[in-house]
Every structure is written in structure tokens, then in C-alpha cells.
Amino acid sequence: YHAIMEECQGIKFQSKKEARYFRELQLRVHVGEVKYFLSQVPFRLDGGVKYRVDFMEVWTDGSIHWIDVKGFRTEAYRIKRKTVEANYPIKIEEV
């Protein structure tokens, strides 16, 4: 889908857009908007399928945001996202 991998601080990201979002999250932590974040958080689905959300952000107000950085939304992605949201009490946001 024409995504160009990019490395940032020794971490390989699937796209330049995802690396850019990672840098934005670091700034948000620095200014105190976000307490911390995790990347590539796995969810197990039926049939041995694993789905990884790009970022889990814990904000200073206590809220948790589940973020997927997408350039192109494949049908497989849409199905897995709906399955995760149906099986776990989360809502995945796309940027």
C-alpha cells in the first residue's frame, strides 16, 4: 500500500505516518498531556489470530485511548478491528 518503513530511535515503524505519530506522543508525554504510552499492544482473537493496535495512550485525566495509525484500511483490518471491539471493552480510534 506504498507505506515506507521508517526507523525512529532504534524502533522500526511500518510507515512514516506511524513514526511521526510516535514522535507526537513523545511530545505529549513531555508536556504532560499523556502519562505514558505503549506500542504494538496485542489482542488475541478466536482461531489463534492476534491483532496489534499501534498505540495505547494513558492520558493524565485517566482516560485510555487505543490508536491505529492508518493510511489504507484493508477489509482484513476492518474485520479484525470490529472483532476486537466486540470482544474487548475498547474503541479503536484511527488517525
PDB file of N, CA and C in Angstrom:
ATOM      1  N   TYR A   1       0.814  -1.199   0.000  1.00  0.00           N
ATOM      2  CA  TYR A   1       0.000   0.000   0.000  1.00  0.00           C
ATOM      3  C   TYR A   1       0.860   1.266   0.000  1.00  0.00           C
ATOM      4  N   HIS A   2       2.094   1.088  -0.444  1.00  0.00           N
ATOM      5  CA  HIS A   2       3.055   2.172  -0.656  1.00  0.00           C
ATOM      6  C   HIS A   2       3.558   2.814   0.627  1.00  0.00           C
ATOM      7  N   ALA A   3       3.365   2.153   1.763  1.00  0.00           N
ATOM      8  CA  ALA A   3       3.903   2.686   3.019  1.00  0.00           C
ATOM      9  C   ALA A   3       5.414   2.482   3.017  1.00  0.00           C
ATOM     10  N   ILE A   4       6.125   3.470   3.504  1.00  0.00           N
ATOM     11  CA  ILE A   4       7.578   3.402   3.570  1.00  0.00           C
ATOM     12  C   ILE A   4       7.976   3.260   5.033  1.00  0.00           C
ATOM     13  N   MET A   5       8.676   2.149   5.339  1.00  0.00           N
ATOM     14  CA  MET A   5       9.118   1.930   6.719  1.00  0.00           C
ATOM     15  C   MET A   5      10.075   3.036   7.135  1.00  0.00           C
ATOM     16  N   GLU A   6      10.016   3.366   8.423  1.00  0.00           N
ATOM     17  CA  GLU A   6      10.909   4.397   8.957  1.00  0.00           C
ATOM     18  C   GLU A   6      11.382   3.968  10.336  1.00  0.00           C
ATOM     19  N   GLU A   7      12.640   4.249  10.626  1.00  0.00           N
ATOM     20  CA  GLU A   7      13.196   3.955  11.934  1.00  0.00           C
ATOM     21  C   GLU A   7      13.319   5.247  12.722  1.00  0.00           C
ATOM     22  N   CYS A   8      12.923   5.172  13.979  1.00  0.00           N
ATOM     23  CA  CYS A   8      12.986   6.330  14.856  1.00  0.00           C
ATOM     24  C   CYS A   8      13.449   5.847  16.222  1.00  0.00           C
ATOM     25  N   GLN A   9      14.562   6.348  16.692  1.00  0.00           N
ATOM     26  CA  GLN A   9      15.126   5.974  17.990  1.00  0.00           C
ATOM     27  C   GLN A   9      15.329   4.461  18.102  1.00  0.00           C
ATOM     28  N   GLY A  10      15.740   3.849  17.012  1.00  0.00           N
ATOM     29  CA  GLY A  10      16.010   2.416  17.001  1.00  0.00           C
ATOM     30  C   GLY A  10      14.785   1.540  16.861  1.00  0.00           C
ATOM     31  N   ILE A  11      13.612   2.135  16.697  1.00  0.00           N
ATOM     32  CA  ILE A  11      12.358   1.390  16.542  1.00  0.00           C
ATOM     33  C   ILE A  11      11.937   1.474  15.087  1.00  0.00           C
ATOM     34  N   LYS A  12      11.610   0.325  14.488  1.00  0.00           N
ATOM     35  CA  LYS A  12      11.151   0.305  13.097  1.00  0.00           C
ATOM     36  C   LYS A  12       9.634   0.406  13.064  1.00  0.00           C
ATOM     37  N   PHE A  13       9.150   1.382  12.320  1.00  0.00           N
ATOM     38  CA  PHE A  13       7.713   1.601  12.158  1.00  0.00           C
ATOM     39  C   PHE A  13       7.296   1.218  10.744  1.00  0.00           C
ATOM     40  N   GLN A  14       6.051   0.763  10.612  1.00  0.00           N
ATOM     41  CA  GLN A  14       5.546   0.305   9.328  1.00  0.00           C
ATOM     42  C   GLN A  14       5.345   1.427   8.324  1.00  0.00           C
ATOM     43  N   SER A  15       5.301   2.668   8.798  1.00  0.00           N
ATOM     44  CA  SER A  15       5.100   3.793   7.884  1.00  0.00           C
ATOM     45  C   SER A  15       5.696   5.062   8.485  1.00  0.00           C
ATOM     46  N   LYS A  16       5.916   6.035   7.623  1.00  0.00           N
ATOM     47  CA  LYS A  16       6.388   7.342   8.085  1.00  0.00           C
ATOM     48  C   LYS A  16       5.331   7.995   8.971  1.00  0.00           C
ATOM     49  N   LYS A  17       4.069   7.766   8.631  1.00  0.00           N
ATOM     50  CA  LYS A  17       2.970   8.343   9.407  1.00  0.00           C
ATOM     51  C   LYS A  17       2.966   7.802  10.835  1.00  0.00           C
ATOM     52  N   GLU A  18       3.226   6.513  11.005  1.00  0.00           N
ATOM     53  CA  GLU A  18       3.260   5.919  12.337  1.00  0.00           C
ATOM     54  C   GLU A  18       4.453   6.449  13.143  1.00  0.00           C
ATOM     55  N   ALA A  19       5.601   6.608  12.497  1.00  0.00           N
ATOM     56  CA  ALA A  19       6.783   7.166  13.171  1.00  0.00           C
ATOM     57  C   ALA A  19       6.523   8.613  13.591  1.00  0.00           C
ATOM     58  N   ARG A  20       5.862   9.370  12.735  1.00  0.00           N
ATOM     59  CA  ARG A  20       5.529  10.759  13.060  1.00  0.00           C
ATOM     60  C   ARG A  20       4.591  10.811  14.263  1.00  0.00           C
ATOM     61  N   TYR A  21       3.606   9.909  14.316  1.00  0.00           N
ATOM     62  CA  TYR A  21       2.680   9.878  15.450  1.00  0.00           C
ATOM     63  C   TYR A  21       3.422   9.505  16.734  1.00  0.00           C
ATOM     64  N   PHE A  22       4.385   8.594  16.650  1.00  0.00           N
ATOM     65  CA  PHE A  22       5.212   8.219  17.794  1.00  0.00           C
ATOM     66  C   PHE A  22       5.935   9.446  18.355  1.00  0.00           C
ATOM     67  N   ARG A  23       6.513  10.258  17.471  1.00  0.00           N
ATOM     68  CA  ARG A  23       7.205  11.470  17.921  1.00  0.00           C
ATOM     69  C   ARG A  23       6.221  12.455  18.561  1.00  0.00           C
ATOM     70  N   GLU A  24       5.013  12.561  18.015  1.00  0.00           N
ATOM     71  CA  GLU A  24       3.986  13.434  18.604  1.00  0.00           C
ATOM     72  C   GLU A  24       3.616  12.946  20.010  1.00  0.00           C
ATOM     73  N   LEU A  25       3.509  11.642  20.180  1.00  0.00           N
ATOM     74  CA  LEU A  25       3.187  11.096  21.501  1.00  0.00           C
ATOM     75  C   LEU A  25       4.289  11.407  22.502  1.00  0.00           C
ATOM     76  N   GLN A  26       5.526  11.331  22.071  1.00  0.00           N
ATOM     77  CA  GLN A  26       6.628  11.668  22.965  1.00  0.00           C
ATOM     78  C   GLN A  26       6.527  13.122  23.424  1.00  0.00           C
ATOM     79  N   LEU A  27       6.145  14.003  22.525  1.00  0.00           N
ATOM     80  CA  LEU A  27       5.949  15.407  22.894  1.00  0.00           C
ATOM     81  C   LEU A  27       4.796  15.566  23.882  1.00  0.00           C
ATOM     82  N   ARG A  28       3.712  14.818  23.648  1.00  0.00           N
ATOM     83  CA  ARG A  28       2.565  14.890  24.552  1.00  0.00           C
ATOM     84  C   ARG A  28       2.930  14.415  25.952  1.00  0.00           C
ATOM     85  N   VAL A  29       3.795  13.408  26.042  1.00  0.00           N
ATOM     86  CA  VAL A  29       4.273  12.954  27.350  1.00  0.00           C
ATOM     87  C   VAL A  29       5.122  14.055  27.981  1.00  0.00           C
ATOM     88  N   HIS A  30       5.982  14.658  27.192  1.00  0.00           N
ATOM     89  CA  HIS A  30       6.879  15.702  27.695  1.00  0.00           C
ATOM     90  C   HIS A  30       6.122  16.909  28.257  1.00  0.00           C
ATOM     91  N   VAL A  31       5.026  17.293  27.590  1.00  0.00           N
ATOM     92  CA  VAL A  31       4.259  18.455  28.061  1.00  0.00           C
ATOM     93  C   VAL A  31       3.220  18.085  29.124  1.00  0.00           C
ATOM     94  N   GLY A  32       3.069  16.782  29.411  1.00  0.00           N
ATOM     95  CA  GLY A  32       2.179  16.369  30.489  1.00  0.00           C
ATOM     96  C   GLY A  32       0.760  16.044  30.082  1.00  0.00           C
ATOM     97  N   GLU A  33       0.471  15.992  28.813  1.00  0.00           N
ATOM     98  CA  GLU A  33      -0.879  15.652  28.350  1.00  0.00           C
ATOM     99  C   GLU A  33      -1.134  14.147  28.462  1.00  0.00           C
ATOM    100  N   VAL A  34      -0.092  13.368  28.170  1.00  0.00           N
ATOM    101  CA  VAL A  34      -0.163  11.912  28.227  1.00  0.00           C
ATOM    102  C   VAL A  34       0.813  11.429  29.298  1.00  0.00           C
ATOM    103  N   LYS A  35       0.349  10.512  30.172  1.00  0.00           N
ATOM    104  CA  LYS A  35       1.235   9.964  31.214  1.00  0.00           C
ATOM    105  C   LYS A  35       2.289   9.059  30.583  1.00  0.00           C
ATOM    106  N   TYR A  36       1.802   8.101  29.783  1.00  0.00           N
ATOM    107  CA  TYR A  36       2.693   7.178  29.088  1.00  0.00           C
ATOM    108  C   TYR A  36       1.923   6.504  27.965  1.00  0.00           C
ATOM    109  N   PHE A  37       2.656   5.788  27.127  1.00  0.00           N
ATOM    110  CA  PHE A  37       2.015   5.054  26.051  1.00  0.00           C
ATOM    111  C   PHE A  37       2.785   3.766  25.782  1.00  0.00           C
ATOM    112  N   LEU A  38       2.078   2.803  25.208  1.00  0.00           N
ATOM    113  CA  LEU A  38       2.661   1.536  24.790  1.00  0.00           C
ATOM    114  C   LEU A  38       2.417   1.384  23.296  1.00  0.00           C
ATOM    115  N   SER A  39       3.303   0.668  22.626  1.00  0.00           N
ATOM    116  CA  SER A  39       3.096   0.445  21.197  1.00  0.00           C
ATOM    117  C   SER A  39       2.968  -1.040  20.906  1.00  0.00           C
ATOM    118  N   GLN A  40       2.261  -1.330  19.825  1.00  0.00           N
ATOM    119  CA  GLN A  40       2.039  -2.696  19.343  1.00  0.00           C
ATOM    120  C   GLN A  40       1.458  -3.598  20.430  1.00  0.00           C
ATOM    121  N   VAL A  41       0.333  -3.170  20.983  1.00  0.00           N
ATOM    122  CA  VAL A  41      -0.337  -3.906  22.062  1.00  0.00           C
ATOM    123  C   VAL A  41      -1.189  -5.021  21.443  1.00  0.00           C
ATOM    124  N   PRO A  42      -0.918  -6.284  21.827  1.00  0.00           N
ATOM    125  CA  PRO A  42      -1.623  -7.411  21.185  1.00  0.00           C
ATOM    126  C   PRO A  42      -2.978  -7.727  21.818  1.00  0.00           C
ATOM    127  N   PHE A  43      -3.888  -8.175  20.969  1.00  0.00           N
ATOM    128  CA  PHE A  43      -5.181  -8.717  21.386  1.00  0.00           C
ATOM    129  C   PHE A  43      -5.323 -10.083  20.742  1.00  0.00           C
ATOM    130  N   ARG A  44      -5.695 -11.067  21.529  1.00  0.00           N
ATOM    131  CA  ARG A  44      -5.896 -12.416  20.998  1.00  0.00           C
ATOM    132  C   ARG A  44      -7.351 -12.580  20.576  1.00  0.00           C
ATOM    133  N   LEU A  45      -7.524 -13.147  19.385  1.00  0.00           N
ATOM    134  CA  LEU A  45      -8.854 -13.394  18.850  1.00  0.00           C
ATOM    135  C   LEU A  45      -9.018 -14.893  18.614  1.00  0.00           C
ATOM    136  N   ASP A  46     -10.244 -15.321  18.367  1.00  0.00           N
ATOM    137  CA  ASP A  46     -10.509 -16.736  18.098  1.00  0.00           C
ATOM    138  C   ASP A  46      -9.690 -17.230  16.921  1.00  0.00           C
ATOM    139  N   GLY A  47      -9.382 -18.515  16.955  1.00  0.00           N
ATOM    140  CA  GLY A  47      -8.650 -19.133  15.845  1.00  0.00           C
ATOM    141  C   GLY A  47      -7.162 -18.844  15.863  1.00  0.00           C
ATOM    142  N   GLY A  48      -6.640 -18.390  16.994  1.00  0.00           N
ATOM    143  CA  GLY A  48      -5.213 -18.113  17.087  1.00  0.00           C
ATOM    144  C   GLY A  48      -4.789 -16.821  16.410  1.00  0.00           C
ATOM    145  N   VAL A  49      -5.754 -15.999  16.055  1.00  0.00           N
ATOM    146  CA  VAL A  49      -5.459 -14.730  15.388  1.00  0.00           C
ATOM    147  C   VAL A  49      -5.043 -13.699  16.439  1.00  0.00           C
ATOM    148  N   LYS A  50      -4.039 -12.916  16.107  1.00  0.00           N
ATOM    149  CA  LYS A  50      -3.574 -11.859  17.008  1.00  0.00           C
ATOM    150  C   LYS A  50      -3.681 -10.530  16.253  1.00  0.00           C
ATOM    151  N   TYR A  51      -4.245  -9.546  16.919  1.00  0.00           N
ATOM    152  CA  TYR A  51      -4.353  -8.198  16.343  1.00  0.00           C
ATOM    153  C   TYR A  51      -3.549  -7.259  17.224  1.00  0.00           C
ATOM    154  N   ARG A  52      -2.743  -6.415  16.630  1.00  0.00           N
ATOM    155  CA  ARG A  52      -1.944  -5.456  17.385  1.00  0.00           C
ATOM    156  C   ARG A  52      -2.417  -4.036  17.081  1.00  0.00           C
ATOM    157  N   VAL A  53      -2.806  -3.345  18.130  1.00  0.00           N
ATOM    158  CA  VAL A  53      -3.167  -1.937  17.988  1.00  0.00           C
ATOM    159  C   VAL A  53      -1.858  -1.143  18.075  1.00  0.00           C
ATOM    160  N   ASP A  54      -1.726  -0.107  17.262  1.00  0.00           N
ATOM    161  CA  ASP A  54      -0.459   0.617  17.177  1.00  0.00           C
ATOM    162  C   ASP A  54      -0.053   1.258  18.505  1.00  0.00           C
ATOM    163  N   PHE A  55      -0.977   1.940  19.168  1.00  0.00           N
ATOM    164  CA  PHE A  55      -0.626   2.629  20.418  1.00  0.00           C
ATOM    165  C   PHE A  55      -1.762   2.565  21.426  1.00  0.00           C
ATOM    166  N   MET A  56      -1.395   2.391  22.697  1.00  0.00           N
ATOM    167  CA  MET A  56      -2.311   2.544  23.822  1.00  0.00           C
ATOM    168  C   MET A  56      -1.791   3.740  24.608  1.00  0.00           C
ATOM    169  N   GLU A  57      -2.602   4.785  24.699  1.00  0.00           N
ATOM    170  CA  GLU A  57      -2.194   6.016  25.378  1.00  0.00           C
ATOM    171  C   GLU A  57      -2.946   6.143  26.706  1.00  0.00           C
ATOM    172  N   VAL A  58      -2.219   6.405  27.766  1.00  0.00           N
ATOM    173  CA  VAL A  58      -2.831   6.673  29.070  1.00  0.00           C
ATOM    174  C   VAL A  58      -2.659   8.165  29.323  1.00  0.00           C
ATOM    175  N   TRP A  59      -3.769   8.903  29.293  1.00  0.00           N
ATOM    176  CA  TRP A  59      -3.749  10.353  29.444  1.00  0.00           C
ATOM    177  C   TRP A  59      -3.749  10.729  30.918  1.00  0.00           C
ATOM    178  N   THR A  60      -3.349  11.951  31.200  1.00  0.00           N
ATOM    179  CA  THR A  60      -3.261  12.414  32.589  1.00  0.00           C
ATOM    180  C   THR A  60      -4.620  12.488  33.275  1.00  0.00           C
ATOM    181  N   ASP A  61      -5.709  12.567  32.510  1.00  0.00           N
ATOM    182  CA  ASP A  61      -7.043  12.586  33.115  1.00  0.00           C
ATOM    183  C   ASP A  61      -7.537  11.173  33.441  1.00  0.00           C
ATOM    184  N   GLY A  62      -6.698  10.161  33.167  1.00  0.00           N
ATOM    185  CA  GLY A  62      -7.054   8.783  33.464  1.00  0.00           C
ATOM    186  C   GLY A  62      -7.667   8.022  32.307  1.00  0.00           C
ATOM    187  N   SER A  63      -7.996   8.703  31.230  1.00  0.00           N
ATOM    188  CA  SER A  63      -8.599   8.024  30.088  1.00  0.00           C
ATOM    189  C   SER A  63      -7.532   7.246  29.302  1.00  0.00           C
ATOM    190  N   ILE A  64      -8.001   6.193  28.647  1.00  0.00           N
ATOM    191  CA  ILE A  64      -7.127   5.371  27.827  1.00  0.00           C
ATOM    192  C   ILE A  64      -7.632   5.434  26.393  1.00  0.00           C
ATOM    193  N   HIS A  65      -6.709   5.693  25.479  1.00  0.00           N
ATOM    194  CA  HIS A  65      -7.051   5.784  24.058  1.00  0.00           C
ATOM    195  C   HIS A  65      -6.290   4.699  23.301  1.00  0.00           C
ATOM    196  N   TRP A  66      -7.012   3.978  22.452  1.00  0.00           N
ATOM    197  CA  TRP A  66      -6.440   2.923  21.623  1.00  0.00           C
ATOM    198  C   TRP A  66      -6.364   3.477  20.204  1.00  0.00           C
ATOM    199  N   ILE A  67      -5.153   3.583  19.657  1.00  0.00           N
ATOM    200  CA  ILE A  67      -4.944   4.288  18.404  1.00  0.00           C
ATOM    201  C   ILE A  67      -4.328   3.374  17.353  1.00  0.00           C
ATOM    202  N   ASP A  68      -4.909   3.388  16.156  1.00  0.00           N
ATOM    203  CA  ASP A  68      -4.309   2.760  14.988  1.00  0.00           C
ATOM    204  C   ASP A  68      -4.007   3.852  13.975  1.00  0.00           C
ATOM    205  N   VAL A  69      -2.784   3.873  13.516  1.00  0.00           N
ATOM    206  CA  VAL A  69      -2.361   4.845  12.510  1.00  0.00           C
ATOM    207  C   VAL A  69      -2.541   4.169  11.157  1.00  0.00           C
ATOM    208  N   LYS A  70      -3.452   4.678  10.361  1.00  0.00           N
ATOM    209  CA  LYS A  70      -3.775   4.028   9.098  1.00  0.00           C
ATOM    210  C   LYS A  70      -3.649   4.990   7.924  1.00  0.00           C
ATOM    211  N   GLY A  71      -3.104   4.468   6.857  1.00  0.00           N
ATOM    212  CA  GLY A  71      -3.092   5.186   5.594  1.00  0.00           C
ATOM    213  C   GLY A  71      -4.134   4.577   4.677  1.00  0.00           C
ATOM    214  N   PHE A  72      -4.224   3.240   4.721  1.00  0.00           N
ATOM    215  CA  PHE A  72      -5.168   2.497   3.885  1.00  0.00           C
ATOM    216  C   PHE A  72      -5.850   1.452   4.753  1.00  0.00           C
ATOM    217  N   ARG A  73      -7.161   1.383   4.691  1.00  0.00           N
ATOM    218  CA  ARG A  73      -7.933   0.454   5.512  1.00  0.00           C
ATOM    219  C   ARG A  73      -8.323  -0.765   4.684  1.00  0.00           C
ATOM    220  N   THR A  74      -7.668  -1.893   4.965  1.00  0.00           N
ATOM    221  CA  THR A  74      -7.992  -3.120   4.244  1.00  0.00           C
ATOM    222  C   THR A  74      -9.235  -3.764   4.845  1.00  0.00           C
ATOM    223  N   GLU A  75      -9.837  -4.660   4.103  1.00  0.00           N
ATOM    224  CA  GLU A  75     -11.011  -5.374   4.601  1.00  0.00           C
ATOM    225  C   GLU A  75     -10.625  -6.241   5.803  1.00  0.00           C
ATOM    226  N   ALA A  76      -9.446  -6.871   5.754  1.00  0.00           N
ATOM    227  CA  ALA A  76      -8.987  -7.689   6.881  1.00  0.00           C
ATOM    228  C   ALA A  76      -8.853  -6.832   8.142  1.00  0.00           C
ATOM    229  N   TYR A  77      -8.324  -5.623   7.995  1.00  0.00           N
ATOM    230  CA  TYR A  77      -8.208  -4.712   9.136  1.00  0.00           C
ATOM    231  C   TYR A  77      -9.584  -4.381   9.702  1.00  0.00           C
ATOM    232  N   ARG A  78     -10.518  -4.055   8.837  1.00  0.00           N
ATOM    233  CA  ARG A  78     -11.862  -3.688   9.299  1.00  0.00           C
ATOM    234  C   ARG A  78     -12.507  -4.822  10.096  1.00  0.00           C
ATOM    235  N   ILE A  79     -12.357  -6.046   9.596  1.00  0.00           N
ATOM    236  CA  ILE A  79     -12.943  -7.204  10.272  1.00  0.00           C
ATOM    237  C   ILE A  79     -12.288  -7.418  11.633  1.00  0.00           C
ATOM    238  N   LYS A  80     -10.954  -7.387  11.679  1.00  0.00           N
ATOM    239  CA  LYS A  80     -10.247  -7.592  12.948  1.00  0.00           C
ATOM    240  C   LYS A  80     -10.577  -6.502  13.949  1.00  0.00           C
ATOM    241  N   ARG A  81     -10.646  -5.262  13.482  1.00  0.00           N
ATOM    242  CA  ARG A  81     -10.978  -4.146  14.384  1.00  0.00           C
ATOM    243  C   ARG A  81     -12.357  -4.353  14.999  1.00  0.00           C
ATOM    244  N   LYS A  82     -13.344  -4.697  14.181  1.00  0.00           N
ATOM    245  CA  LYS A  82     -14.700  -4.926  14.690  1.00  0.00           C
ATOM    246  C   LYS A  82     -14.726  -6.094  15.671  1.00  0.00           C
ATOM    247  N   THR A  83     -13.937  -7.130  15.390  1.00  0.00           N
ATOM    248  CA  THR A  83     -13.884  -8.290  16.272  1.00  0.00           C
ATOM    249  C   THR A  83     -13.273  -7.920  17.614  1.00  0.00           C
ATOM    250  N   VAL A  84     -12.189  -7.143  17.593  1.00  0.00           N
ATOM    251  CA  VAL A  84     -11.571  -6.692  18.845  1.00  0.00           C
ATOM    252  C   VAL A  84     -12.567  -5.865  19.643  1.00  0.00           C
ATOM    253  N   GLU A  85     -13.222  -4.917  18.998  1.00  0.00           N
ATOM    254  CA  GLU A  85     -14.171  -4.047  19.704  1.00  0.00           C
ATOM    255  C   GLU A  85     -15.373  -4.821  20.242  1.00  0.00           C
ATOM    256  N   ALA A  86     -15.734  -5.926  19.579  1.00  0.00           N
ATOM    257  CA  ALA A  86     -16.848  -6.745  20.043  1.00  0.00           C
ATOM    258  C   ALA A  86     -16.450  -7.622  21.234  1.00  0.00           C
ATOM    259  N   ASN A  87     -15.172  -7.975  21.324  1.00  0.00           N
ATOM    260  CA  ASN A  87     -14.714  -8.893  22.363  1.00  0.00           C
ATOM    261  C   ASN A  87     -14.023  -8.214  23.547  1.00  0.00           C
ATOM    262  N   TYR A  88     -13.640  -6.982  23.388  1.00  0.00           N
ATOM    263  CA  TYR A  88     -12.955  -6.243  24.443  1.00  0.00           C
ATOM    264  C   TYR A  88     -13.675  -4.912  24.654  1.00  0.00           C
ATOM    265  N   PRO A  89     -13.664  -4.392  25.872  1.00  0.00           N
ATOM    266  CA  PRO A  89     -14.390  -3.123  26.139  1.00  0.00           C
ATOM    267  C   PRO A  89     -13.585  -1.896  25.723  1.00  0.00           C
ATOM    268  N   ILE A  90     -13.234  -1.828  24.437  1.00  0.00           N
ATOM    269  CA  ILE A  90     -12.449  -0.699  23.939  1.00  0.00           C
ATOM    270  C   ILE A  90     -13.038  -0.177  22.638  1.00  0.00           C
ATOM    271  N   LYS A  91     -12.638   1.025  22.279  1.00  0.00           N
ATOM    272  CA  LYS A  91     -12.983   1.632  20.992  1.00  0.00           C
ATOM    273  C   LYS A  91     -11.663   2.063  20.355  1.00  0.00           C
ATOM    274  N   ILE A  92     -11.367   1.550  19.171  1.00  0.00           N
ATOM    275  CA  ILE A  92     -10.115   1.877  18.487  1.00  0.00           C
ATOM    276  C   ILE A  92     -10.325   3.132  17.650  1.00  0.00           C
ATOM    277  N   GLU A  93      -9.469   4.118  17.875  1.00  0.00           N
ATOM    278  CA  GLU A  93      -9.516   5.365  17.115  1.00  0.00           C
ATOM    279  C   GLU A  93      -8.495   5.278  15.980  1.00  0.00           C
ATOM    280  N   GLU A  94      -8.855   5.813  14.828  1.00  0.00           N
ATOM    281  CA  GLU A  94      -7.943   5.833  13.691  1.00  0.00           C
ATOM    282  C   GLU A  94      -7.425   7.250  13.467  1.00  0.00           C
ATOM    283  N   VAL A  95      -6.139   7.334  13.177  1.00  0.00           N
ATOM    284  CA  VAL A  95      -5.547   8.633  12.809  1.00  0.00           C
ATOM    285  C   VAL A  95      -4.812   8.471  11.507  1.00  0.00           C
TER     286      VAL A  95
END
